[in-house]
Protein backbone atom coordinates (compact mmCIF):
# COMPACT_ATOMS: atom_id res chain seq x y z
CA UNK A 1 26.05 11.05 27.66
CA UNK A 2 25.31 13.35 24.54
CA UNK A 3 26.54 10.48 22.39
CA UNK A 4 24.09 8.28 23.59
CA UNK A 5 21.27 10.49 22.74
CA UNK A 6 22.79 11.25 19.36
CA UNK A 7 22.64 7.57 18.77
CA UNK A 8 18.93 7.15 20.17
CA UNK A 9 18.12 10.21 17.80
CA UNK A 10 19.45 8.33 14.44
CA UNK A 11 17.57 5.19 15.65
CA UNK A 12 14.23 6.54 15.97
CA UNK A 13 15.12 8.36 12.65
CA UNK A 14 15.86 5.51 10.92
CA UNK A 15 12.45 3.81 12.34
CA UNK A 16 10.51 6.60 11.38
CA UNK A 17 11.96 6.45 7.84
CA UNK A 18 11.38 2.86 7.46
CA UNK A 19 7.35 3.45 8.28
CA UNK A 20 7.41 6.55 5.98
CA UNK A 21 8.50 4.23 3.11
CA UNK A 22 5.92 1.82 4.37
CA UNK A 23 3.14 3.78 4.10
CA UNK A 24 4.33 5.17 0.60
CA UNK A 25 4.28 1.55 -0.25
CA UNK A 26 0.31 0.78 1.00
CA UNK A 27 -0.85 4.16 -0.76
CA UNK A 28 -4.24 3.89 -1.89
CA UNK A 29 -3.64 6.35 -4.90
CA UNK A 30 -1.10 4.17 -6.33
CA UNK A 31 -3.58 1.01 -6.17
CA UNK A 32 -6.38 3.29 -7.74
CA UNK A 33 -4.06 4.41 -10.24
CA UNK A 34 -2.41 1.21 -11.38
CA UNK A 35 -5.50 -0.80 -11.04
CA UNK A 36 -8.38 1.61 -12.40
CA UNK A 37 -8.93 -0.82 -15.41
CA UNK A 38 -9.72 -3.69 -12.99
CA UNK A 39 -11.68 -1.95 -10.43
CA UNK A 40 -13.88 -0.87 -13.21
CA UNK A 41 -14.36 -4.20 -14.40
CA UNK A 42 -14.39 -6.53 -11.29
CA UNK A 43 -15.35 -4.04 -8.33
CA UNK A 44 -17.71 -1.34 -9.68
CA UNK A 45 -20.12 -2.02 -7.51
CA UNK A 46 -18.32 -2.24 -4.66
CA UNK A 47 -18.47 0.71 -2.23
CA UNK A 48 -15.06 2.29 -1.68
CA UNK A 49 -13.81 2.26 1.81
CA UNK A 50 -12.94 -0.08 4.94
CA UNK A 51 -10.67 -1.72 2.33
CA UNK A 52 -13.77 -3.23 0.51
CA UNK A 53 -12.06 -2.38 -3.10
CA UNK A 54 -8.89 -3.86 -1.99
CA UNK A 55 -10.53 -7.00 -0.80
CA UNK A 56 -12.59 -7.48 -4.22
CA UNK A 57 -9.42 -6.94 -5.87
CA UNK A 58 -7.77 -9.80 -3.78
CA UNK A 59 -10.39 -11.77 -4.75
CA UNK A 60 -10.02 -11.53 -8.22
CA UNK A 61 -5.92 -12.28 -7.96
CA UNK A 62 -5.99 -14.54 -11.01
CA UNK A 63 -7.16 -12.11 -13.44
CA UNK A 64 -5.30 -9.13 -12.50
CA UNK A 65 -2.87 -7.25 -14.56
CA UNK A 66 1.15 -7.54 -13.24
CA UNK A 67 1.16 -4.12 -12.72
CA UNK A 68 -1.88 -3.95 -10.65
CA UNK A 69 -0.98 -7.22 -8.76
CA UNK A 70 2.39 -5.56 -7.83
CA UNK A 71 0.57 -2.42 -6.47
CA UNK A 72 -1.91 -4.98 -4.71
CA UNK A 73 0.67 -6.68 -2.88
CA UNK A 74 2.02 -3.62 -1.48
CA UNK A 75 -0.81 -3.54 0.74
CA UNK A 76 0.31 -6.92 2.42
C-alpha cells in the first residue's frame, strides 16, 4: 500500500512541475521584457490588464520581432 502512495505522490509532483513550467512560459514579465519596443510602438495607448496588450500584439503579429513573436507564442 505504501508503494501505491509513493507512486501517486510522484505522479502528482510531475503534474505540478509541468504546470509550474507552463506558468513560467506565460509569464507576463517575459513578454513585457521581450516585446518592450513593440508595445511602445504599436500598443502604447492600450490600457494594461485583462490581456489587452497581448491581444494588441497578436493583432500586429506580422510586424513583431522574432524575439517578441517567440515570447508571444508562449501565451498560446
